[in-house]
């Protein structure tokens, strides 16, 4: 694609989306259990590798995907949004009052590490009973007796098996859907969003277990918080994180065009 860019174009920045806890000030990836990164300066390393002298903004995948869906996708016009993203782990991007809510250091939205089962299964973060051990890739595949399988294709195969009547696959999907609705109900009670968007593997799980998700949400959610909330899948699909990373780069430019 770079060959199609006019020769007099100016690169104003770059954005990167990663699965992990990203320090807002400098883009340091503090922890990414699924990749094994601890305190990795991804932005600086990429700038060196690419040989570019422009700011590289690093963001969490769920956070930037929420940013993109709010700006250009399913949540356009909504000022309070939760974007729940899953791959191996689970995280959330939060839009509150029209603005990204990332917390003091930038680590907000690590909802997959809400402890929901005391002394439950061990999580990649080192603790036990985290929400993602019940709804994440490993938890789903383990519950279905497919603990050796890995990746999104393995999950899609599991969902297909459940759809075709495999009893153990159906049980695993129903159980995960119930846990998904349980966690979403708590998040809805806390943040009172207008919309919850399910991205990544959470989209696949939501579509496979929508009845369980909605049932648990309706039984655990506060009536006032449920009045206007809508459940949706991403309009931008798998491109949401890519578009959101680009939006991060432009956000820095628009905040200070002359610098």
Protein backbone atom coordinates (compact mmCIF):
# COMPACT_ATOMS: atom_id res chain seq x y z
CA UNK A 1 0.00 0.00 0.00
CA UNK A 2 2.90 2.36 0.65
CA UNK A 3 3.57 2.48 -3.11
CA UNK A 4 0.20 4.18 -3.63
CA UNK A 5 1.05 7.00 -1.21
CA UNK A 6 2.12 10.25 -2.93
CA UNK A 7 5.85 10.87 -2.65
CA UNK A 8 5.29 14.21 -0.91
CA UNK A 9 3.13 12.68 1.83
CA UNK A 10 4.10 13.14 5.46
CA UNK A 11 3.80 10.37 8.03
CA UNK A 12 2.35 12.01 11.14
CA UNK A 13 2.29 8.98 13.37
CA UNK A 14 1.41 5.34 13.80
CA UNK A 15 -0.89 3.36 16.06
CA UNK A 16 -0.56 -0.17 17.38
CA UNK A 17 -3.15 -2.35 19.13
CA UNK A 18 -1.91 -5.10 21.44
CA UNK A 19 -3.50 -7.64 23.79
CA UNK A 20 -2.21 -6.58 27.17
CA UNK A 21 -2.00 -3.89 29.82
CA UNK A 22 -0.60 -0.77 28.17
CA UNK A 23 0.79 2.19 30.11
CA UNK A 24 -0.87 5.27 28.66
CA UNK A 25 2.05 7.69 29.09
CA UNK A 26 4.62 5.85 26.98
CA UNK A 27 2.97 2.75 25.49
CA UNK A 28 4.94 0.29 27.61
CA UNK A 29 3.21 -3.10 27.66
CA UNK A 30 3.27 -3.87 31.37
CA UNK A 31 1.78 -7.33 31.07
CA UNK A 32 0.50 -9.52 28.25
CA UNK A 33 0.07 -13.06 29.63
CA UNK A 34 -0.91 -14.52 26.26
CA UNK A 35 2.34 -13.37 24.59
CA UNK A 36 4.61 -13.55 27.62
CA UNK A 37 5.47 -9.84 27.47
CA UNK A 38 6.40 -8.08 30.70
CA UNK A 39 7.41 -4.40 30.60
CA UNK A 40 8.01 -4.46 26.84
CA UNK A 41 8.58 -1.06 25.13
CA UNK A 42 6.72 -2.08 21.97
CA UNK A 43 6.40 1.43 20.53
CA UNK A 44 10.11 2.20 20.81
CA UNK A 45 11.05 -1.23 19.46
CA UNK A 46 8.78 -0.81 16.42
CA UNK A 47 10.13 2.67 15.70
CA UNK A 48 13.67 1.27 15.71
CA UNK A 49 12.74 -1.74 13.59
CA UNK A 50 10.86 0.36 11.02
CA UNK A 51 13.40 3.16 11.01
CA UNK A 52 10.81 5.90 11.46
CA UNK A 53 11.00 9.06 13.51
CA UNK A 54 7.32 9.65 14.28
CA UNK A 55 5.27 9.03 17.41
CA UNK A 56 3.97 5.47 17.76
CA UNK A 57 0.91 5.25 19.96
CA UNK A 58 0.22 1.89 21.59
CA UNK A 59 -3.20 0.89 22.91
CA UNK A 60 -5.06 -2.09 24.25
CA UNK A 61 -7.08 -3.98 21.60
CA UNK A 62 -10.42 -3.72 23.39
CA UNK A 63 -9.89 -0.04 24.15
CA UNK A 64 -9.03 0.96 20.58
CA UNK A 65 -11.80 -1.23 19.12
CA UNK A 66 -14.30 0.53 21.39
CA UNK A 67 -12.86 3.84 20.17
CA UNK A 68 -13.38 2.79 16.53
CA UNK A 69 -16.91 1.44 16.98
CA UNK A 70 -17.86 4.62 18.84
CA UNK A 71 -16.42 6.85 16.15
CA UNK A 72 -17.37 4.93 13.00
CA UNK A 73 -19.25 1.74 13.78
CA UNK A 74 -22.13 0.20 15.70
CA UNK A 75 -21.92 2.67 18.60
CA UNK A 76 -21.96 5.89 16.58
CA UNK A 77 -24.13 8.34 18.49
CA UNK A 78 -23.87 6.42 21.78
CA UNK A 79 -21.98 8.12 24.59
CA UNK A 80 -21.84 5.16 26.98
CA UNK A 81 -20.55 1.91 25.52
CA UNK A 82 -18.89 -1.31 26.63
CA UNK A 83 -16.90 -3.21 24.01
CA UNK A 84 -16.18 -6.70 25.28
CA UNK A 85 -13.31 -8.34 23.40
CA UNK A 86 -12.07 -11.90 23.60
CA UNK A 87 -9.24 -13.96 22.16
CA UNK A 88 -7.30 -16.13 24.58
CA UNK A 89 -8.11 -13.57 27.29
CA UNK A 90 -10.96 -11.13 27.80
CA UNK A 91 -10.89 -7.35 28.12
CA UNK A 92 -13.20 -4.38 27.70
CA UNK A 93 -13.04 -0.97 26.11
CA UNK A 94 -15.19 1.55 27.94
CA UNK A 95 -16.71 4.75 26.57
CA UNK A 96 -18.25 6.88 29.33
CA UNK A 97 -19.83 10.24 28.63
CA UNK A 98 -18.44 10.10 25.08
CA UNK A 99 -14.85 9.66 26.23
CA UNK A 100 -12.56 6.65 26.59
CA UNK A 101 -12.28 5.49 30.18
CA UNK A 102 -8.83 3.98 30.64
CA UNK A 103 -8.04 4.62 34.30
CA UNK A 104 -5.15 6.41 35.98
CA UNK A 105 -2.30 4.55 34.31
CA UNK A 106 -4.20 3.33 31.25
CA UNK A 107 -4.95 -0.14 32.62
CA UNK A 108 -8.72 0.17 32.96
CA UNK A 109 -10.99 -2.41 31.36
CA UNK A 110 -9.27 -5.61 32.53
CA UNK A 111 -12.67 -7.16 33.17
CA UNK A 112 -11.48 -10.66 32.34
CA UNK A 113 -9.64 -10.63 35.66
CA UNK A 114 -12.71 -10.02 37.80
CA UNK A 115 -12.61 -12.94 40.22
CA UNK A 116 -15.95 -14.75 39.90
CA UNK A 117 -15.09 -18.16 41.40
CA UNK A 118 -13.29 -18.24 44.73
CA UNK A 119 -10.36 -20.68 44.45
CA UNK A 120 -11.42 -21.46 40.88
CA UNK A 121 -9.29 -22.39 37.87
CA UNK A 122 -5.84 -20.83 37.61
CA UNK A 123 -5.66 -17.92 35.17
CA UNK A 124 -2.71 -16.86 33.00
CA UNK A 125 -2.36 -13.82 35.27
CA UNK A 126 -1.43 -16.15 38.15
CA UNK A 127 -4.64 -15.78 40.16
CA UNK A 128 -7.57 -18.18 40.40
CA UNK A 129 -11.20 -17.88 39.37
CA UNK A 130 -10.92 -14.98 36.92
CA UNK A 131 -13.90 -14.42 34.62
CA UNK A 132 -11.86 -15.31 31.56
CA UNK A 133 -11.21 -18.81 32.93
CA UNK A 134 -14.94 -19.42 32.42
CA UNK A 135 -15.60 -17.59 29.13
CA UNK A 136 -12.19 -17.38 27.46
CA UNK A 137 -10.78 -19.75 24.85
CA UNK A 138 -9.10 -22.16 27.26
CA UNK A 139 -12.06 -22.40 29.60
CA UNK A 140 -14.52 -23.13 26.81
CA UNK A 141 -12.36 -25.76 25.16
CA UNK A 142 -11.55 -27.41 28.50
CA UNK A 143 -15.23 -27.62 29.43
CA UNK A 144 -15.95 -29.29 26.08
CA UNK A 145 -13.22 -31.90 26.59
CA UNK A 146 -10.98 -30.28 23.99
CA UNK A 147 -8.28 -28.90 26.25
CA UNK A 148 -5.50 -29.67 23.76
CA UNK A 149 -7.09 -27.57 21.01
CA UNK A 150 -6.13 -23.92 20.57
CA UNK A 151 -7.15 -20.87 18.58
CA UNK A 152 -10.28 -19.31 17.15
CA UNK A 153 -10.72 -22.07 14.58
CA UNK A 154 -10.93 -24.57 17.43
CA UNK A 155 -13.63 -22.46 19.06
CA UNK A 156 -15.58 -22.17 15.82
CA UNK A 157 -15.37 -25.96 15.45
CA UNK A 158 -16.73 -26.27 18.99
CA UNK A 159 -19.63 -23.92 18.27
CA UNK A 160 -20.38 -25.85 15.08
CA UNK A 161 -20.39 -29.12 17.01
CA UNK A 162 -22.82 -27.63 19.53
CA UNK A 163 -25.06 -26.46 16.70
CA UNK A 164 -25.06 -30.00 15.25
CA UNK A 165 -26.14 -31.55 18.53
CA UNK A 166 -22.92 -32.59 20.30
CA UNK A 167 -24.14 -32.81 23.91
CA UNK A 168 -20.82 -31.98 25.60
CA UNK A 169 -20.21 -29.04 23.26
CA UNK A 170 -23.73 -27.77 23.92
CA UNK A 171 -23.22 -28.01 27.68
CA UNK A 172 -19.92 -26.08 27.47
CA UNK A 173 -21.48 -23.34 25.35
CA UNK A 174 -24.52 -23.01 27.63
CA UNK A 175 -22.29 -22.81 30.70
CA UNK A 176 -20.01 -20.20 29.13
CA UNK A 177 -23.01 -18.21 27.90
CA UNK A 178 -24.41 -18.16 31.44
CA UNK A 179 -21.07 -16.88 32.79
CA UNK A 180 -20.90 -14.31 30.00
CA UNK A 181 -24.34 -12.98 30.92
CA UNK A 182 -23.40 -13.00 34.61
CA UNK A 183 -20.36 -10.79 34.03
CA UNK A 184 -22.10 -8.51 31.56
CA UNK A 185 -24.93 -7.97 34.06
CA UNK A 186 -22.42 -6.78 36.65
CA UNK A 187 -20.74 -4.47 34.15
CA UNK A 188 -24.10 -3.09 33.05
CA UNK A 189 -25.01 -2.41 36.69
CA UNK A 190 -21.71 -0.59 37.22
CA UNK A 191 -21.41 1.44 34.01
CA UNK A 192 -25.04 1.77 32.84
CA UNK A 193 -24.14 1.67 29.12
CA UNK A 194 -26.47 2.26 26.21
CA UNK A 195 -24.81 -0.55 24.28
CA UNK A 196 -22.68 -3.62 24.87
CA UNK A 197 -20.71 -4.83 21.83
CA UNK A 198 -19.26 -8.34 21.69
CA UNK A 199 -16.05 -8.56 19.65
CA UNK A 200 -13.46 -11.22 18.86
CA UNK A 201 -14.35 -14.61 20.32
CA UNK A 202 -16.95 -12.93 22.55
CA UNK A 203 -18.92 -12.28 19.37
CA UNK A 204 -18.83 -15.99 18.52
CA UNK A 205 -19.84 -16.98 22.05
CA UNK A 206 -22.62 -14.42 22.20
CA UNK A 207 -24.09 -15.57 18.90
CA UNK A 208 -23.89 -19.22 20.01
CA UNK A 209 -25.39 -18.62 23.45
CA UNK A 210 -27.53 -15.49 23.12
CA UNK A 211 -30.43 -17.04 25.04
CA UNK A 212 -28.25 -17.81 28.07
CA UNK A 213 -26.58 -14.38 27.94
CA UNK A 214 -29.89 -12.51 27.81
CA UNK A 215 -31.51 -14.69 30.46
CA UNK A 216 -28.68 -14.16 32.94
CA UNK A 217 -28.48 -10.44 32.11
CA UNK A 218 -32.21 -10.03 32.71
CA UNK A 219 -32.11 -11.91 36.01
CA UNK A 220 -28.99 -10.16 37.41
CA UNK A 221 -29.21 -6.70 35.86
CA UNK A 222 -30.91 -3.86 37.69
CA UNK A 223 -34.17 -2.96 35.92
CA UNK A 224 -33.22 0.71 35.61
CA UNK A 225 -29.89 -0.21 33.99
CA UNK A 226 -31.57 -2.65 31.58
CA UNK A 227 -34.16 -0.17 30.29
CA UNK A 228 -32.13 1.15 27.38
CA UNK A 229 -29.17 -1.21 26.97
CA UNK A 230 -28.71 -2.90 23.58
CA UNK A 231 -26.55 -5.93 22.82
CA UNK A 232 -24.72 -5.78 19.49
CA UNK A 233 -21.90 -7.30 17.43
CA UNK A 234 -19.19 -5.08 15.86
CA UNK A 235 -20.10 -3.24 12.69
CA UNK A 236 -16.41 -2.92 11.80
CA UNK A 237 -15.74 -6.62 12.39
CA UNK A 238 -12.13 -7.69 12.83
CA UNK A 239 -10.96 -4.33 11.44
CA UNK A 240 -12.13 -2.47 14.55
CA UNK A 241 -8.76 -2.76 16.31
CA UNK A 242 -6.84 -1.68 13.18
CA UNK A 243 -9.09 1.32 12.62
CA UNK A 244 -8.94 2.20 16.32
CA UNK A 245 -5.13 2.11 16.31
CA UNK A 246 -5.13 4.52 13.37
CA UNK A 247 -7.59 6.74 15.24
CA UNK A 248 -5.13 6.85 18.15
CA UNK A 249 -2.42 8.19 15.88
CA UNK A 250 -4.73 10.87 14.48
CA UNK A 251 -5.96 11.76 17.97
CA UNK A 252 -2.45 12.87 18.90
CA UNK A 253 -2.17 14.94 15.71
CA UNK A 254 -5.57 16.60 16.16
CA UNK A 255 -4.79 17.41 19.81
CA UNK A 256 -1.67 19.36 18.78
CA UNK A 257 -1.56 19.91 14.97
CA UNK A 258 1.41 22.30 15.05
CA UNK A 259 3.74 20.15 17.12
